[in-house]
């Protein structure tokens, strides 16, 4: 497992937990410099990352160079259209929080549709989208999540591969 982050303390912790290679890279830099990463990977995971970036499509495009031809990207994105957010917005509340969908450090917000569109615009074919509810109470709405993922999924896991000829 290899990892990248902008914070030295996070990289040191990753190294202490067995990460083979670590890279200090600020994914918000323009231009994005990733030449230090020499490997090609079967999977690149963006776990709760892209919503914090100024230009997530650019990051996805740039890191295609480090993906093996049959490799995949695995992306988790919060669903801003989650039913609790809709209720709060209807009541006139859009309050940023310390964590979750309305985390105050999020620069981008996604629905099921816009998340897929962002991934596709970066040159990927979406293979699968899995609605996901990570908190205990939300597991009780799983039947609704399967029927209406855009409304009842707290997050989406998107699995995609490079489009042919990219």
Protein backbone atom coordinates (compact mmCIF):
# COMPACT_ATOMS: atom_id res chain seq x y z
CA UNK A 1 0.00 0.00 0.00
CA UNK A 2 1.27 3.43 -0.95
CA UNK A 3 -0.21 6.74 0.14
CA UNK A 4 -0.06 10.44 -0.43
CA UNK A 5 -1.04 13.43 1.64
CA UNK A 6 -0.07 17.04 2.14
CA UNK A 7 0.50 16.69 5.90
CA UNK A 8 3.79 15.34 7.15
CA UNK A 9 2.19 13.97 10.36
CA UNK A 10 -0.31 11.92 8.33
CA UNK A 11 2.50 10.54 6.17
CA UNK A 12 4.57 9.61 9.23
CA UNK A 13 1.59 7.77 10.73
CA UNK A 14 1.00 5.93 7.43
CA UNK A 15 4.65 4.89 7.29
CA UNK A 16 4.49 3.62 10.88
CA UNK A 17 1.45 1.51 9.95
CA UNK A 18 3.27 -0.23 7.11
CA UNK A 19 2.72 1.89 4.02
CA UNK A 20 5.50 0.93 1.63
CA UNK A 21 5.86 4.34 -0.06
CA UNK A 22 4.50 7.72 0.94
CA UNK A 23 4.42 10.92 -1.09
CA UNK A 24 3.98 14.47 0.11
CA UNK A 25 1.78 16.00 -2.58
CA UNK A 26 -0.71 18.82 -2.39
CA UNK A 27 -3.54 17.77 -4.70
CA UNK A 28 -4.74 21.39 -4.84
CA UNK A 29 -1.51 22.66 -6.46
CA UNK A 30 -1.71 24.06 -9.97
CA UNK A 31 -0.05 22.62 -11.89
CA UNK A 32 -0.37 19.32 -10.07
CA UNK A 33 3.04 17.67 -9.80
CA UNK A 34 2.92 13.88 -9.40
CA UNK A 35 6.19 12.89 -11.12
CA UNK A 36 7.56 11.50 -7.83
CA UNK A 37 5.06 8.64 -8.13
CA UNK A 38 6.75 6.12 -10.43
CA UNK A 39 4.51 3.10 -9.83
CA UNK A 40 1.44 1.94 -11.72
CA UNK A 41 -1.37 0.59 -9.57
CA UNK A 42 -4.19 -1.92 -9.87
CA UNK A 43 -6.40 0.35 -7.77
CA UNK A 44 -6.22 3.97 -6.69
CA UNK A 45 -8.51 4.82 -3.79
CA UNK A 46 -9.93 8.27 -3.15
CA UNK A 47 -11.60 7.74 0.23
CA UNK A 48 -13.37 10.96 1.21
CA UNK A 49 -10.83 13.05 -0.71
CA UNK A 50 -12.27 14.56 -3.88
CA UNK A 51 -14.86 16.76 -2.17
CA UNK A 52 -11.97 18.60 -0.46
CA UNK A 53 -10.23 19.54 -3.71
CA UNK A 54 -10.44 22.65 -5.86
CA UNK A 55 -10.28 20.63 -9.10
CA UNK A 56 -11.05 16.95 -8.45
CA UNK A 57 -11.44 16.15 -12.17
CA UNK A 58 -7.90 17.34 -12.77
CA UNK A 59 -6.59 15.06 -10.01
CA UNK A 60 -8.44 12.07 -11.46
CA UNK A 61 -7.10 12.84 -14.94
CA UNK A 62 -3.52 13.37 -13.76
CA UNK A 63 -3.38 10.14 -11.74
CA UNK A 64 -4.55 8.05 -14.71
CA UNK A 65 -0.85 7.96 -15.61
CA UNK A 66 -0.32 5.86 -12.47
CA UNK A 67 -3.13 3.40 -13.12
CA UNK A 68 -2.50 0.08 -14.84
CA UNK A 69 -4.49 -0.42 -18.08
CA UNK A 70 -7.10 -2.62 -16.37
CA UNK A 71 -6.90 -0.77 -13.07
CA UNK A 72 -9.74 0.95 -11.27
CA UNK A 73 -10.33 4.01 -9.19
CA UNK A 74 -12.47 3.55 -6.10
CA UNK A 75 -14.06 6.78 -4.92
CA UNK A 76 -16.24 7.59 -1.95
CA UNK A 77 -18.29 10.78 -2.15
CA UNK A 78 -20.81 12.21 0.30
CA UNK A 79 -24.34 12.64 -1.06
CA UNK A 80 -25.46 16.24 -0.56
CA UNK A 81 -28.98 15.20 -1.66
CA UNK A 82 -29.32 12.87 1.36
CA UNK A 83 -32.83 13.17 2.74
CA UNK A 84 -31.79 14.78 6.05
CA UNK A 85 -29.95 17.53 4.15
CA UNK A 86 -33.04 18.09 2.02
CA UNK A 87 -35.24 18.42 5.10
CA UNK A 88 -32.84 20.86 6.72
CA UNK A 89 -32.58 22.94 3.54
CA UNK A 90 -36.37 23.03 3.24
CA UNK A 91 -36.42 24.45 6.77
CA UNK A 92 -33.88 27.10 5.76
CA UNK A 93 -30.84 25.44 7.33
CA UNK A 94 -27.56 24.91 5.51
CA UNK A 95 -25.11 24.78 8.38
CA UNK A 96 -21.59 23.51 7.95
CA UNK A 97 -20.41 20.93 10.47
CA UNK A 98 -17.16 19.45 11.79
CA UNK A 99 -17.69 16.25 9.78
CA UNK A 100 -20.18 14.57 7.47
CA UNK A 101 -21.84 15.68 4.27
CA UNK A 102 -21.74 19.36 5.19
CA UNK A 103 -18.18 19.23 6.55
CA UNK A 104 -16.82 22.78 6.66
CA UNK A 105 -13.72 21.70 4.69
CA UNK A 106 -15.72 20.45 1.68
CA UNK A 107 -15.18 22.55 -1.43
CA UNK A 108 -17.44 20.47 -3.68
CA UNK A 109 -20.81 18.84 -3.15
CA UNK A 110 -22.14 15.87 -5.11
CA UNK A 111 -25.35 14.07 -5.88
CA UNK A 112 -25.41 10.61 -7.41
CA UNK A 113 -25.72 12.16 -10.88
CA UNK A 114 -23.09 14.90 -10.49
CA UNK A 115 -20.60 12.50 -8.88
CA UNK A 116 -20.85 10.11 -11.81
CA UNK A 117 -20.60 13.00 -14.27
CA UNK A 118 -17.45 14.30 -12.59
CA UNK A 119 -15.78 10.88 -12.80
CA UNK A 120 -16.83 10.43 -16.44
CA UNK A 121 -15.62 13.94 -17.38
CA UNK A 122 -12.17 12.95 -16.11
CA UNK A 123 -11.99 10.12 -18.66
CA UNK A 124 -13.39 7.14 -16.77
CA UNK A 125 -16.20 4.69 -17.35
CA UNK A 126 -18.27 4.11 -14.23
CA UNK A 127 -18.48 0.35 -13.61
CA UNK A 128 -20.51 0.37 -10.43
CA UNK A 129 -22.07 2.72 -7.89
CA UNK A 130 -22.79 1.42 -4.42
CA UNK A 131 -24.98 3.49 -2.08
CA UNK A 132 -23.49 3.44 1.39
CA UNK A 133 -24.66 4.33 4.88
CA UNK A 134 -21.82 4.24 7.37
CA UNK A 135 -23.59 5.20 10.56
CA UNK A 136 -25.42 2.69 12.76
CA UNK A 137 -28.91 4.20 12.62
CA UNK A 138 -28.78 4.62 8.84
CA UNK A 139 -28.41 0.88 8.31
CA UNK A 140 -32.10 0.58 9.18
CA UNK A 141 -33.03 2.46 5.99
CA UNK A 142 -31.06 0.12 3.69
CA UNK A 143 -34.19 -1.15 1.89
CA UNK A 144 -35.05 2.46 1.03
CA UNK A 145 -31.44 3.13 0.05
CA UNK A 146 -31.58 0.36 -2.53
CA UNK A 147 -34.87 1.67 -3.95
CA UNK A 148 -33.97 5.38 -3.87
CA UNK A 149 -30.17 5.69 -3.64
CA UNK A 150 -30.12 9.38 -4.57
CA UNK A 151 -32.34 10.17 -1.61
CA UNK A 152 -31.36 7.71 1.12
CA UNK A 153 -27.64 7.02 0.56
CA UNK A 154 -25.37 9.02 2.84
CA UNK A 155 -22.42 8.30 0.54
CA UNK A 156 -21.66 6.67 -2.79
CA UNK A 157 -18.82 4.35 -3.61
CA UNK A 158 -17.97 4.74 -7.30
CA UNK A 159 -15.81 2.16 -9.06
CA UNK A 160 -14.50 3.22 -12.45
CA UNK A 161 -11.88 2.34 -15.04
CA UNK A 162 -10.13 4.41 -17.67
CA UNK A 163 -12.05 4.89 -20.88
CA UNK A 164 -10.48 3.03 -23.81
CA UNK A 165 -7.86 5.10 -25.67
CA UNK A 166 -7.26 7.37 -22.67
